[in-house]
mmCIF file of all heavy atoms, coordinates in Angstrom:
data_MODEL
# 
_entry.id   MODEL 
# 
loop_
_atom_site.group_PDB 
_atom_site.id 
_atom_site.type_symbol 
_atom_site.label_atom_id 
_atom_site.label_alt_id 
_atom_site.label_comp_id 
_atom_site.label_asym_id 
_atom_site.label_entity_id 
_atom_site.label_seq_id 
_atom_site.pdbx_PDB_ins_code 
_atom_site.Cartn_x 
_atom_site.Cartn_y 
_atom_site.Cartn_z 
_atom_site.occupancy 
_atom_site.B_iso_or_equiv 
_atom_site.pdbx_formal_charge 
_atom_site.auth_seq_id 
_atom_site.auth_comp_id 
_atom_site.auth_asym_id 
_atom_site.auth_atom_id 
_atom_site.pdbx_PDB_model_num 
ATOM 1   N N   . LEU A 1 1  ? 98.076 105.634 -58.624 1.00 0.00 ? 1  LEU A N   1 
ATOM 2   C CA  . LEU A 1 1  ? 97.516 105.053 -59.853 1.00 0.00 ? 1  LEU A CA  1 
ATOM 3   C C   . LEU A 1 1  ? 96.280 105.825 -60.386 1.00 0.00 ? 1  LEU A C   1 
ATOM 4   O O   . LEU A 1 1  ? 95.865 105.546 -61.491 1.00 0.00 ? 1  LEU A O   1 
ATOM 5   C CB  . LEU A 1 1  ? 97.204 103.591 -59.618 1.00 0.00 ? 1  LEU A CB  1 
ATOM 6   C CG  . LEU A 1 1  ? 98.347 102.658 -59.435 1.00 0.00 ? 1  LEU A CG  1 
ATOM 7   C CD1 . LEU A 1 1  ? 97.876 101.286 -59.035 1.00 0.00 ? 1  LEU A CD1 1 
ATOM 8   C CD2 . LEU A 1 1  ? 99.169 102.572 -60.714 1.00 0.00 ? 1  LEU A CD2 1 
ATOM 9   N N   . MET A 1 2  ? 95.781 106.732 -59.586 1.00 0.00 ? 2  MET A N   1 
ATOM 10  C CA  . MET A 1 2  ? 94.513 107.400 -59.995 1.00 0.00 ? 2  MET A CA  1 
ATOM 11  C C   . MET A 1 2  ? 94.623 108.081 -61.310 1.00 0.00 ? 2  MET A C   1 
ATOM 12  O O   . MET A 1 2  ? 93.680 108.014 -62.107 1.00 0.00 ? 2  MET A O   1 
ATOM 13  C CB  . MET A 1 2  ? 94.133 108.404 -58.896 1.00 0.00 ? 2  MET A CB  1 
ATOM 14  C CG  . MET A 1 2  ? 92.664 108.184 -58.425 1.00 0.00 ? 2  MET A CG  1 
ATOM 15  S SD  . MET A 1 2  ? 92.330 109.295 -57.087 1.00 0.00 ? 2  MET A SD  1 
ATOM 16  C CE  . MET A 1 2  ? 92.200 108.097 -55.757 1.00 0.00 ? 2  MET A CE  1 
ATOM 17  N N   . ASN A 1 3  ? 95.682 108.802 -61.570 1.00 0.00 ? 3  ASN A N   1 
ATOM 18  C CA  . ASN A 1 3  ? 95.815 109.538 -62.835 1.00 0.00 ? 3  ASN A CA  1 
ATOM 19  C C   . ASN A 1 3  ? 96.127 108.582 -64.011 1.00 0.00 ? 3  ASN A C   1 
ATOM 20  O O   . ASN A 1 3  ? 95.889 109.014 -65.157 1.00 0.00 ? 3  ASN A O   1 
ATOM 21  C CB  . ASN A 1 3  ? 96.892 110.647 -62.759 1.00 0.00 ? 3  ASN A CB  1 
ATOM 22  C CG  . ASN A 1 3  ? 96.471 111.800 -61.874 1.00 0.00 ? 3  ASN A CG  1 
ATOM 23  O OD1 . ASN A 1 3  ? 95.265 112.132 -61.881 1.00 0.00 ? 3  ASN A OD1 1 
ATOM 24  N ND2 . ASN A 1 3  ? 97.346 112.400 -61.196 1.00 0.00 ? 3  ASN A ND2 1 
ATOM 25  N N   . VAL A 1 4  ? 96.645 107.400 -63.723 1.00 0.00 ? 4  VAL A N   1 
ATOM 26  C CA  . VAL A 1 4  ? 96.897 106.448 -64.783 1.00 0.00 ? 4  VAL A CA  1 
ATOM 27  C C   . VAL A 1 4  ? 95.687 105.608 -65.121 1.00 0.00 ? 4  VAL A C   1 
ATOM 28  O O   . VAL A 1 4  ? 95.244 105.484 -66.242 1.00 0.00 ? 4  VAL A O   1 
ATOM 29  C CB  . VAL A 1 4  ? 98.096 105.578 -64.411 1.00 0.00 ? 4  VAL A CB  1 
ATOM 30  C CG1 . VAL A 1 4  ? 98.306 104.512 -65.471 1.00 0.00 ? 4  VAL A CG1 1 
ATOM 31  C CG2 . VAL A 1 4  ? 99.308 106.385 -64.170 1.00 0.00 ? 4  VAL A CG2 1 
ATOM 32  N N   . LEU A 1 5  ? 95.094 105.060 -64.076 1.00 0.00 ? 5  LEU A N   1 
ATOM 33  C CA  . LEU A 1 5  ? 93.983 104.121 -64.224 1.00 0.00 ? 5  LEU A CA  1 
ATOM 34  C C   . LEU A 1 5  ? 92.608 104.799 -64.174 1.00 0.00 ? 5  LEU A C   1 
ATOM 35  O O   . LEU A 1 5  ? 91.564 104.294 -64.578 1.00 0.00 ? 5  LEU A O   1 
ATOM 36  C CB  . LEU A 1 5  ? 94.011 103.021 -63.178 1.00 0.00 ? 5  LEU A CB  1 
ATOM 37  C CG  . LEU A 1 5  ? 95.251 102.172 -63.143 1.00 0.00 ? 5  LEU A CG  1 
ATOM 38  C CD1 . LEU A 1 5  ? 95.131 101.145 -62.043 1.00 0.00 ? 5  LEU A CD1 1 
ATOM 39  C CD2 . LEU A 1 5  ? 95.390 101.400 -64.515 1.00 0.00 ? 5  LEU A CD2 1 
ATOM 40  N N   . GLY A 1 6  ? 92.583 106.009 -63.619 1.00 0.00 ? 6  GLY A N   1 
ATOM 41  C CA  . GLY A 1 6  ? 91.305 106.709 -63.334 1.00 0.00 ? 6  GLY A CA  1 
ATOM 42  C C   . GLY A 1 6  ? 90.821 106.451 -61.936 1.00 0.00 ? 6  GLY A C   1 
ATOM 43  O O   . GLY A 1 6  ? 91.151 105.431 -61.308 1.00 0.00 ? 6  GLY A O   1 
ATOM 44  N N   . PHE A 1 7  ? 90.009 107.334 -61.433 1.00 0.00 ? 7  PHE A N   1 
ATOM 45  C CA  . PHE A 1 7  ? 89.521 107.225 -60.057 1.00 0.00 ? 7  PHE A CA  1 
ATOM 46  C C   . PHE A 1 7  ? 88.711 105.957 -59.895 1.00 0.00 ? 7  PHE A C   1 
ATOM 47  O O   . PHE A 1 7  ? 88.948 105.204 -58.885 1.00 0.00 ? 7  PHE A O   1 
ATOM 48  C CB  . PHE A 1 7  ? 88.686 108.404 -59.671 1.00 0.00 ? 7  PHE A CB  1 
ATOM 49  C CG  . PHE A 1 7  ? 88.032 108.284 -58.321 1.00 0.00 ? 7  PHE A CG  1 
ATOM 50  C CD1 . PHE A 1 7  ? 88.804 108.723 -57.199 1.00 0.00 ? 7  PHE A CD1 1 
ATOM 51  C CD2 . PHE A 1 7  ? 86.818 107.780 -58.111 1.00 0.00 ? 7  PHE A CD2 1 
ATOM 52  C CE1 . PHE A 1 7  ? 88.296 108.557 -55.907 1.00 0.00 ? 7  PHE A CE1 1 
ATOM 53  C CE2 . PHE A 1 7  ? 86.301 107.559 -56.824 1.00 0.00 ? 7  PHE A CE2 1 
ATOM 54  C CZ  . PHE A 1 7  ? 87.059 107.993 -55.728 1.00 0.00 ? 7  PHE A CZ  1 
ATOM 55  N N   . ALA A 1 8  ? 87.783 105.633 -60.763 1.00 0.00 ? 8  ALA A N   1 
ATOM 56  C CA  . ALA A 1 8  ? 86.920 104.562 -60.588 1.00 0.00 ? 8  ALA A CA  1 
ATOM 57  C C   . ALA A 1 8  ? 87.632 103.232 -60.442 1.00 0.00 ? 8  ALA A C   1 
ATOM 58  O O   . ALA A 1 8  ? 87.433 102.434 -59.505 1.00 0.00 ? 8  ALA A O   1 
ATOM 59  C CB  . ALA A 1 8  ? 85.887 104.489 -61.713 1.00 0.00 ? 8  ALA A CB  1 
ATOM 60  N N   . LEU A 1 9  ? 88.563 102.984 -61.342 1.00 0.00 ? 9  LEU A N   1 
ATOM 61  C CA  . LEU A 1 9  ? 89.313 101.748 -61.245 1.00 0.00 ? 9  LEU A CA  1 
ATOM 62  C C   . LEU A 1 9  ? 90.242 101.691 -60.070 1.00 0.00 ? 9  LEU A C   1 
ATOM 63  O O   . LEU A 1 9  ? 90.314 100.625 -59.433 1.00 0.00 ? 9  LEU A O   1 
ATOM 64  C CB  . LEU A 1 9  ? 90.100 101.474 -62.589 1.00 0.00 ? 9  LEU A CB  1 
ATOM 65  C CG  . LEU A 1 9  ? 90.773 100.170 -62.778 1.00 0.00 ? 9  LEU A CG  1 
ATOM 66  C CD1 . LEU A 1 9  ? 89.765 98.970  -62.603 1.00 0.00 ? 9  LEU A CD1 1 
ATOM 67  C CD2 . LEU A 1 9  ? 91.426 100.058 -64.142 1.00 0.00 ? 9  LEU A CD2 1 
ATOM 68  N N   . ALA A 1 10 ? 90.981 102.754 -59.837 1.00 0.00 ? 10 ALA A N   1 
ATOM 69  C CA  . ALA A 1 10 ? 91.866 102.808 -58.704 1.00 0.00 ? 10 ALA A CA  1 
ATOM 70  C C   . ALA A 1 10 ? 91.161 102.620 -57.384 1.00 0.00 ? 10 ALA A C   1 
ATOM 71  O O   . ALA A 1 10 ? 91.548 101.821 -56.490 1.00 0.00 ? 10 ALA A O   1 
ATOM 72  C CB  . ALA A 1 10 ? 92.660 104.095 -58.682 1.00 0.00 ? 10 ALA A CB  1 
ATOM 73  N N   . TYR A 1 11 ? 89.976 103.265 -57.255 1.00 0.00 ? 11 TYR A N   1 
ATOM 74  C CA  . TYR A 1 11 ? 89.168 103.119 -56.074 1.00 0.00 ? 11 TYR A CA  1 
ATOM 75  C C   . TYR A 1 11 ? 88.628 101.691 -55.930 1.00 0.00 ? 11 TYR A C   1 
ATOM 76  O O   . TYR A 1 11 ? 88.577 101.164 -54.831 1.00 0.00 ? 11 TYR A O   1 
ATOM 77  C CB  . TYR A 1 11 ? 87.996 104.169 -56.052 1.00 0.00 ? 11 TYR A CB  1 
ATOM 78  C CG  . TYR A 1 11 ? 87.039 104.006 -54.891 1.00 0.00 ? 11 TYR A CG  1 
ATOM 79  C CD1 . TYR A 1 11 ? 87.375 104.515 -53.639 1.00 0.00 ? 11 TYR A CD1 1 
ATOM 80  C CD2 . TYR A 1 11 ? 85.874 103.329 -55.055 1.00 0.00 ? 11 TYR A CD2 1 
ATOM 81  C CE1 . TYR A 1 11 ? 86.537 104.331 -52.599 1.00 0.00 ? 11 TYR A CE1 1 
ATOM 82  C CE2 . TYR A 1 11 ? 85.002 103.164 -53.999 1.00 0.00 ? 11 TYR A CE2 1 
ATOM 83  C CZ  . TYR A 1 11 ? 85.375 103.664 -52.741 1.00 0.00 ? 11 TYR A CZ  1 
ATOM 84  O OH  . TYR A 1 11 ? 84.515 103.503 -51.710 1.00 0.00 ? 11 TYR A OH  1 
ATOM 85  N N   . ALA A 1 12 ? 88.164 101.138 -57.041 1.00 0.00 ? 12 ALA A N   1 
ATOM 86  C CA  . ALA A 1 12 ? 87.614 99.780  -56.985 1.00 0.00 ? 12 ALA A CA  1 
ATOM 87  C C   . ALA A 1 12 ? 88.694 98.781  -56.581 1.00 0.00 ? 12 ALA A C   1 
ATOM 88  O O   . ALA A 1 12 ? 88.440 97.881  -55.770 1.00 0.00 ? 12 ALA A O   1 
ATOM 89  C CB  . ALA A 1 12 ? 87.064 99.407  -58.360 1.00 0.00 ? 12 ALA A CB  1 
ATOM 90  N N   . MET A 1 13 ? 89.924 99.008  -57.107 1.00 0.00 ? 13 MET A N   1 
ATOM 91  C CA  . MET A 1 13 ? 91.016 98.107  -56.665 1.00 0.00 ? 13 MET A CA  1 
ATOM 92  C C   . MET A 1 13 ? 91.356 98.243  -55.234 1.00 0.00 ? 13 MET A C   1 
ATOM 93  O O   . MET A 1 13 ? 91.553 97.246  -54.489 1.00 0.00 ? 13 MET A O   1 
ATOM 94  C CB  . MET A 1 13 ? 92.253 98.388  -57.541 1.00 0.00 ? 13 MET A CB  1 
ATOM 95  C CG  . MET A 1 13 ? 92.116 97.935  -58.997 1.00 0.00 ? 13 MET A CG  1 
ATOM 96  S SD  . MET A 1 13 ? 93.404 98.519  -60.090 1.00 0.00 ? 13 MET A SD  1 
ATOM 97  C CE  . MET A 1 13 ? 94.883 97.847  -59.311 1.00 0.00 ? 13 MET A CE  1 
ATOM 98  N N   . LEU A 1 14 ? 91.406 99.457  -54.715 1.00 0.00 ? 14 LEU A N   1 
ATOM 99  C CA  . LEU A 1 14 ? 91.645 99.695  -53.286 1.00 0.00 ? 14 LEU A CA  1 
ATOM 100 C C   . LEU A 1 14 ? 90.522 99.079  -52.436 1.00 0.00 ? 14 LEU A C   1 
ATOM 101 O O   . LEU A 1 14 ? 90.846 98.350  -51.468 1.00 0.00 ? 14 LEU A O   1 
ATOM 102 C CB  . LEU A 1 14 ? 91.749 101.180 -52.953 1.00 0.00 ? 14 LEU A CB  1 
ATOM 103 C CG  . LEU A 1 14 ? 91.829 101.564 -51.495 1.00 0.00 ? 14 LEU A CG  1 
ATOM 104 C CD1 . LEU A 1 14 ? 93.226 101.072 -50.945 1.00 0.00 ? 14 LEU A CD1 1 
ATOM 105 C CD2 . LEU A 1 14 ? 91.676 103.051 -51.327 1.00 0.00 ? 14 LEU A CD2 1 
ATOM 106 N N   . THR A 1 15 ? 89.299 99.249  -52.806 1.00 0.00 ? 15 THR A N   1 
ATOM 107 C CA  . THR A 1 15 ? 88.209 98.747  -52.083 1.00 0.00 ? 15 THR A CA  1 
ATOM 108 C C   . THR A 1 15 ? 88.242 97.185  -52.032 1.00 0.00 ? 15 THR A C   1 
ATOM 109 O O   . THR A 1 15 ? 88.088 96.545  -51.017 1.00 0.00 ? 15 THR A O   1 
ATOM 110 C CB  . THR A 1 15 ? 86.872 99.236  -52.625 1.00 0.00 ? 15 THR A CB  1 
ATOM 111 O OG1 . THR A 1 15 ? 86.895 100.644 -52.640 1.00 0.00 ? 15 THR A OG1 1 
ATOM 112 C CG2 . THR A 1 15 ? 85.676 98.774  -51.785 1.00 0.00 ? 15 THR A CG2 1 
ATOM 113 N N   . TRP A 1 16 ? 88.475 96.629  -53.210 1.00 0.00 ? 16 TRP A N   1 
ATOM 114 C CA  . TRP A 1 16 ? 88.616 95.149  -53.271 1.00 0.00 ? 16 TRP A CA  1 
ATOM 115 C C   . TRP A 1 16 ? 89.706 94.631  -52.349 1.00 0.00 ? 16 TRP A C   1 
ATOM 116 O O   . TRP A 1 16 ? 89.521 93.702  -51.623 1.00 0.00 ? 16 TRP A O   1 
ATOM 117 C CB  . TRP A 1 16 ? 88.880 94.678  -54.734 1.00 0.00 ? 16 TRP A CB  1 
ATOM 118 C CG  . TRP A 1 16 ? 89.208 93.240  -54.790 1.00 0.00 ? 16 TRP A CG  1 
ATOM 119 C CD1 . TRP A 1 16 ? 88.330 92.246  -54.831 1.00 0.00 ? 16 TRP A CD1 1 
ATOM 120 C CD2 . TRP A 1 16 ? 90.511 92.641  -54.653 1.00 0.00 ? 16 TRP A CD2 1 
ATOM 121 N NE1 . TRP A 1 16 ? 88.923 90.950  -54.802 1.00 0.00 ? 16 TRP A NE1 1 
ATOM 122 C CE2 . TRP A 1 16 ? 90.307 91.237  -54.669 1.00 0.00 ? 16 TRP A CE2 1 
ATOM 123 C CE3 . TRP A 1 16 ? 91.758 93.141  -54.545 1.00 0.00 ? 16 TRP A CE3 1 
ATOM 124 C CZ2 . TRP A 1 16 ? 91.388 90.370  -54.562 1.00 0.00 ? 16 TRP A CZ2 1 
ATOM 125 C CZ3 . TRP A 1 16 ? 92.843 92.309  -54.438 1.00 0.00 ? 16 TRP A CZ3 1 
ATOM 126 C CH2 . TRP A 1 16 ? 92.592 90.899  -54.468 1.00 0.00 ? 16 TRP A CH2 1 
ATOM 127 N N   . PHE A 1 17 ? 90.844 95.327  -52.377 1.00 0.00 ? 17 PHE A N   1 
ATOM 128 C CA  . PHE A 1 17 ? 92.000 94.878  -51.570 1.00 0.00 ? 17 PHE A CA  1 
ATOM 129 C C   . PHE A 1 17 ? 91.599 94.937  -50.070 1.00 0.00 ? 17 PHE A C   1 
ATOM 130 O O   . PHE A 1 17 ? 91.887 94.004  -49.320 1.00 0.00 ? 17 PHE A O   1 
ATOM 131 C CB  . PHE A 1 17 ? 93.201 95.748  -51.843 1.00 0.00 ? 17 PHE A CB  1 
ATOM 132 C CG  . PHE A 1 17 ? 94.349 95.413  -50.974 1.00 0.00 ? 17 PHE A CG  1 
ATOM 133 C CD1 . PHE A 1 17 ? 95.222 94.368  -51.276 1.00 0.00 ? 17 PHE A CD1 1 
ATOM 134 C CD2 . PHE A 1 17 ? 94.648 96.168  -49.866 1.00 0.00 ? 17 PHE A CD2 1 
ATOM 135 C CE1 . PHE A 1 17 ? 96.263 93.988  -50.462 1.00 0.00 ? 17 PHE A CE1 1 
ATOM 136 C CE2 . PHE A 1 17 ? 95.698 95.893  -49.038 1.00 0.00 ? 17 PHE A CE2 1 
ATOM 137 C CZ  . PHE A 1 17 ? 96.568 94.765  -49.358 1.00 0.00 ? 17 PHE A CZ  1 
ATOM 138 N N   . ILE A 1 18 ? 90.997 96.059  -49.639 1.00 0.00 ? 18 ILE A N   1 
ATOM 139 C CA  . ILE A 1 18 ? 90.644 96.169  -48.247 1.00 0.00 ? 18 ILE A CA  1 
ATOM 140 C C   . ILE A 1 18 ? 89.615 95.165  -47.825 1.00 0.00 ? 18 ILE A C   1 
ATOM 141 O O   . ILE A 1 18 ? 89.782 94.548  -46.795 1.00 0.00 ? 18 ILE A O   1 
ATOM 142 C CB  . ILE A 1 18 ? 90.212 97.604  -47.903 1.00 0.00 ? 18 ILE A CB  1 
ATOM 143 C CG1 . ILE A 1 18 ? 91.406 98.534  -48.082 1.00 0.00 ? 18 ILE A CG1 1 
ATOM 144 C CG2 . ILE A 1 18 ? 89.579 97.677  -46.569 1.00 0.00 ? 18 ILE A CG2 1 
ATOM 145 C CD1 . ILE A 1 18 ? 91.043 99.995  -47.955 1.00 0.00 ? 18 ILE A CD1 1 
ATOM 146 N N   . VAL A 1 19 ? 88.591 94.930  -48.643 1.00 0.00 ? 19 VAL A N   1 
ATOM 147 C CA  . VAL A 1 19 ? 87.593 93.975  -48.257 1.00 0.00 ? 19 VAL A CA  1 
ATOM 148 C C   . VAL A 1 19 ? 88.029 92.564  -48.383 1.00 0.00 ? 19 VAL A C   1 
ATOM 149 O O   . VAL A 1 19 ? 87.853 91.714  -47.500 1.00 0.00 ? 19 VAL A O   1 
ATOM 150 C CB  . VAL A 1 19 ? 86.270 94.212  -49.137 1.00 0.00 ? 19 VAL A CB  1 
ATOM 151 C CG1 . VAL A 1 19 ? 85.208 93.146  -48.882 1.00 0.00 ? 19 VAL A CG1 1 
ATOM 152 C CG2 . VAL A 1 19 ? 85.759 95.579  -48.897 1.00 0.00 ? 19 VAL A CG2 1 
ATOM 153 N N   . ALA A 1 20 ? 88.670 92.199  -49.517 1.00 0.00 ? 20 ALA A N   1 
ATOM 154 C CA  . ALA A 1 20 ? 89.042 90.770  -49.725 1.00 0.00 ? 20 ALA A CA  1 
ATOM 155 C C   . ALA A 1 20 ? 90.301 90.382  -48.953 1.00 0.00 ? 20 ALA A C   1 
ATOM 156 O O   . ALA A 1 20 ? 90.320 89.333  -48.327 1.00 0.00 ? 20 ALA A O   1 
ATOM 157 C CB  . ALA A 1 20 ? 89.312 90.539  -51.209 1.00 0.00 ? 20 ALA A CB  1 
ATOM 158 N N   . VAL A 1 21 ? 91.348 91.212  -48.969 1.00 0.00 ? 21 VAL A N   1 
ATOM 159 C CA  . VAL A 1 21 ? 92.609 90.891  -48.357 1.00 0.00 ? 21 VAL A CA  1 
ATOM 160 C C   . VAL A 1 21 ? 92.676 91.226  -46.876 1.00 0.00 ? 21 VAL A C   1 
ATOM 161 O O   . VAL A 1 21 ? 92.951 90.406  -46.022 1.00 0.00 ? 21 VAL A O   1 
ATOM 162 C CB  . VAL A 1 21 ? 93.774 91.478  -49.173 1.00 0.00 ? 21 VAL A CB  1 
ATOM 163 C CG1 . VAL A 1 21 ? 95.107 91.122  -48.518 1.00 0.00 ? 21 VAL A CG1 1 
ATOM 164 C CG2 . VAL A 1 21 ? 93.740 90.976  -50.569 1.00 0.00 ? 21 VAL A CG2 1 
ATOM 165 N N   . MET A 1 22 ? 92.367 92.495  -46.626 1.00 0.00 ? 22 MET A N   1 
ATOM 166 C CA  . MET A 1 22 ? 92.499 92.964  -45.224 1.00 0.00 ? 22 MET A CA  1 
ATOM 167 C C   . MET A 1 22 ? 91.374 92.461  -44.326 1.00 0.00 ? 22 MET A C   1 
ATOM 168 O O   . MET A 1 22 ? 91.681 92.024  -43.209 1.00 0.00 ? 22 MET A O   1 
ATOM 169 C CB  . MET A 1 22 ? 92.529 94.511  -45.183 1.00 0.00 ? 22 MET A CB  1 
ATOM 170 C CG  . MET A 1 22 ? 93.653 95.113  -45.974 1.00 0.00 ? 22 MET A CG  1 
ATOM 171 S SD  . MET A 1 22 ? 95.298 94.629  -45.522 1.00 0.00 ? 22 MET A SD  1 
ATOM 172 C CE  . MET A 1 22 ? 95.436 95.375  -43.935 1.00 0.00 ? 22 MET A CE  1 
ATOM 173 N N   . ALA A 1 23 ? 90.134 92.491  -44.755 1.00 0.00 ? 23 ALA A N   1 
ATOM 174 C CA  . ALA A 1 23 ? 89.010 92.044  -43.993 1.00 0.00 ? 23 ALA A CA  1 
ATOM 175 C C   . ALA A 1 23 ? 88.713 90.564  -44.170 1.00 0.00 ? 23 ALA A C   1 
ATOM 176 O O   . ALA A 1 23 ? 87.818 90.006  -43.526 1.00 0.00 ? 23 ALA A O   1 
ATOM 177 C CB  . ALA A 1 23 ? 87.750 92.860  -44.274 1.00 0.00 ? 23 ALA A CB  1 
ATOM 178 N N   . ARG A 1 24 ? 89.351 89.943  -45.179 1.00 0.00 ? 24 ARG A N   1 
ATOM 179 C CA  . ARG A 1 24 ? 89.226 88.526  -45.451 1.00 0.00 ? 24 ARG A CA  1 
ATOM 180 C C   . ARG A 1 24 ? 87.735 88.077  -45.688 1.00 0.00 ? 24 ARG A C   1 
ATOM 181 O O   . ARG A 1 24 ? 87.209 87.156  -45.180 1.00 0.00 ? 24 ARG A O   1 
ATOM 182 C CB  . ARG A 1 24 ? 89.827 87.651  -44.327 1.00 0.00 ? 24 ARG A CB  1 
ATOM 183 C CG  . ARG A 1 24 ? 91.297 87.897  -44.175 1.00 0.00 ? 24 ARG A CG  1 
ATOM 184 C CD  . ARG A 1 24 ? 91.831 87.018  -43.059 1.00 0.00 ? 24 ARG A CD  1 
ATOM 185 N NE  . ARG A 1 24 ? 93.282 87.227  -42.892 1.00 0.00 ? 24 ARG A NE  1 
ATOM 186 C CZ  . ARG A 1 24 ? 93.818 87.872  -41.935 1.00 0.00 ? 24 ARG A CZ  1 
ATOM 187 N NH1 . ARG A 1 24 ? 93.089 88.299  -40.920 1.00 0.00 ? 24 ARG A NH1 1 
ATOM 188 N NH2 . ARG A 1 24 ? 95.100 88.011  -41.820 1.00 0.00 ? 24 ARG A NH2 1 
ATOM 189 N N   . ARG A 1 25 ? 87.088 88.850  -46.585 1.00 0.00 ? 25 ARG A N   1 
ATOM 190 C CA  . ARG A 1 25 ? 85.697 88.551  -46.927 1.00 0.00 ? 25 ARG A CA  1 
ATOM 191 C C   . ARG A 1 25 ? 85.698 87.823  -48.280 1.00 0.00 ? 25 ARG A C   1 
ATOM 192 O O   . ARG A 1 25 ? 86.635 87.925  -49.041 1.00 0.00 ? 25 ARG A O   1 
ATOM 193 C CB  . ARG A 1 25 ? 84.886 89.837  -47.020 1.00 0.00 ? 25 ARG A CB  1 
ATOM 194 C CG  . ARG A 1 25 ? 84.776 90.590  -45.748 1.00 0.00 ? 25 ARG A CG  1 
ATOM 195 C CD  . ARG A 1 25 ? 83.924 89.823  -44.753 1.00 0.00 ? 25 ARG A CD  1 
ATOM 196 N NE  . ARG A 1 25 ? 83.800 90.546  -43.473 1.00 0.00 ? 25 ARG A NE  1 
ATOM 197 C CZ  . ARG A 1 25 ? 84.252 90.169  -42.328 1.00 0.00 ? 25 ARG A CZ  1 
ATOM 198 N NH1 . ARG A 1 25 ? 84.885 88.990  -42.266 1.00 0.00 ? 25 ARG A NH1 1 
ATOM 199 N NH2 . ARG A 1 25 ? 84.077 90.848  -41.286 1.00 0.00 ? 25 ARG A NH2 1 
ATOM 200 N N   . PRO A 1 26 ? 84.636 87.097  -48.551 1.00 0.00 ? 26 PRO A N   1 
ATOM 201 C CA  . PRO A 1 26 ? 84.531 86.340  -49.817 1.00 0.00 ? 26 PRO A CA  1 
ATOM 202 C C   . PRO A 1 26 ? 84.631 87.274  -51.050 1.00 0.00 ? 26 PRO A C   1 
ATOM 203 O O   . PRO A 1 26 ? 84.303 88.441  -51.003 1.00 0.00 ? 26 PRO A O   1 
ATOM 204 C CB  . PRO A 1 26 ? 83.132 85.715  -49.799 1.00 0.00 ? 26 PRO A CB  1 
ATOM 205 C CG  . PRO A 1 26 ? 82.743 85.706  -48.362 1.00 0.00 ? 26 PRO A CG  1 
ATOM 206 C CD  . PRO A 1 26 ? 83.413 86.902  -47.703 1.00 0.00 ? 26 PRO A CD  1 
# 
């Protein structure tokens, strides 16, 4: 998705997923 959404948005989505879903943080 990086070339479609841009690095910043794709990275933010990945980071959110890892922190919220994988690590189960608030």
